[in-house]
Amino acid sequence: MAVQHELSKAYYELREVYVSAVFGKSPDQLNAIEIKEIKEAYPFVPSEAQIK
């Protein structure tokens, strides 16, 4: 669980850097289209697959 939390944090940090570089805004200033673009640029699909 701690690893997943750290991965989530890292993705959000990457997205914040992307937002700043591409849009020159903070994440809370984005519109729906910009949010969609960010999610496409940095998709985050956590998996809890068991390691054998």
C-alpha atoms as a PDB file:
ATOM      1  CA  MET A   1       0.000   0.000   0.000  1.00  0.00           C
ATOM      2  CA  ALA A   2       2.861   2.387   0.798  1.00  0.00           C
ATOM      3  CA  VAL A   3       4.409   1.733  -2.606  1.00  0.00           C
ATOM      4  CA  GLN A   4       1.129   2.517  -4.356  1.00  0.00           C
ATOM      5  CA  HIS A   5       0.880   5.744  -2.368  1.00  0.00           C
ATOM      6  CA  GLU A   6       4.387   6.771  -3.448  1.00  0.00           C
ATOM      7  CA  LEU A   7       3.599   5.937  -7.086  1.00  0.00           C
ATOM      8  CA  SER A   8       0.436   8.030  -6.932  1.00  0.00           C
ATOM      9  CA  LYS A   9       2.392  10.911  -5.445  1.00  0.00           C
ATOM     10  CA  ALA A  10       5.001  10.659  -8.197  1.00  0.00           C
ATOM     11  CA  TYR A  11       2.350  10.721 -10.936  1.00  0.00           C
ATOM     12  CA  TYR A  12       0.694  13.780  -9.459  1.00  0.00           C
ATOM     13  CA  GLU A  13       4.071  15.516  -9.250  1.00  0.00           C
ATOM     14  CA  LEU A  14       4.769  14.682 -12.917  1.00  0.00           C
ATOM     15  CA  ARG A  15       1.365  16.002 -13.865  1.00  0.00           C
ATOM     16  CA  GLU A  16       1.992  19.234 -11.947  1.00  0.00           C
ATOM     17  CA  VAL A  17       5.274  19.770 -13.799  1.00  0.00           C
ATOM     18  CA  TYR A  18       3.510  19.073 -17.105  1.00  0.00           C
ATOM     19  CA  VAL A  19       0.708  21.522 -16.261  1.00  0.00           C
ATOM     20  CA  SER A  20       3.201  24.239 -15.434  1.00  0.00           C
ATOM     21  CA  ALA A  21       5.331  23.638 -18.537  1.00  0.00           C
ATOM     22  CA  VAL A  22       2.513  23.220 -21.056  1.00  0.00           C
ATOM     23  CA  PHE A  23      -0.237  25.475 -19.722  1.00  0.00           C
ATOM     24  CA  GLY A  24       1.617  27.832 -17.396  1.00  0.00           C
ATOM     25  CA  LYS A  25      -1.051  27.236 -14.750  1.00  0.00           C
ATOM     26  CA  SER A  26      -1.550  25.407 -11.502  1.00  0.00           C
ATOM     27  CA  PRO A  27      -3.671  22.234 -11.577  1.00  0.00           C
ATOM     28  CA  ASP A  28      -6.639  23.910  -9.894  1.00  0.00           C
ATOM     29  CA  GLN A  29      -6.887  26.425 -12.768  1.00  0.00           C
ATOM     30  CA  LEU A  30      -7.391  23.844 -15.529  1.00  0.00           C
ATOM     31  CA  ASN A  31     -10.522  23.319 -17.563  1.00  0.00           C
ATOM     32  CA  ALA A  32     -11.963  19.891 -18.435  1.00  0.00           C
ATOM     33  CA  ILE A  33     -10.177  19.671 -21.799  1.00  0.00           C
ATOM     34  CA  GLU A  34      -6.788  20.436 -20.235  1.00  0.00           C
ATOM     35  CA  ILE A  35      -7.371  17.869 -17.483  1.00  0.00           C
ATOM     36  CA  LYS A  36      -8.177  15.252 -20.116  1.00  0.00           C
ATOM     37  CA  GLU A  37      -4.948  16.090 -21.975  1.00  0.00           C
ATOM     38  CA  ILE A  38      -2.913  15.671 -18.804  1.00  0.00           C
ATOM     39  CA  LYS A  39      -4.515  12.328 -18.019  1.00  0.00           C
ATOM     40  CA  GLU A  40      -3.694  11.171 -21.555  1.00  0.00           C
ATOM     41  CA  ALA A  41      -0.097  12.412 -21.288  1.00  0.00           C
ATOM     42  CA  TYR A  42       0.406  10.761 -17.881  1.00  0.00           C
ATOM     43  CA  PRO A  43      -2.174   8.006 -17.481  1.00  0.00           C
ATOM     44  CA  PHE A  44      -2.288   6.395 -14.080  1.00  0.00           C
ATOM     45  CA  VAL A  45      -3.882   2.988 -13.791  1.00  0.00           C
ATOM     46  CA  PRO A  46      -2.842   1.411 -10.519  1.00  0.00           C
ATOM     47  CA  SER A  47      -2.663  -2.360 -10.416  1.00  0.00           C
ATOM     48  CA  GLU A  48      -2.719  -4.538  -7.385  1.00  0.00           C
ATOM     49  CA  ALA A  49      -1.602  -7.655  -9.196  1.00  0.00           C
ATOM     50  CA  GLN A  50      -0.183 -10.354  -7.012  1.00  0.00           C
ATOM     51  CA  ILE A  51       3.469 -11.214  -7.542  1.00  0.00           C
ATOM     52  CA  LYS A  52       4.103 -14.947  -7.711  1.00  0.00           C
END
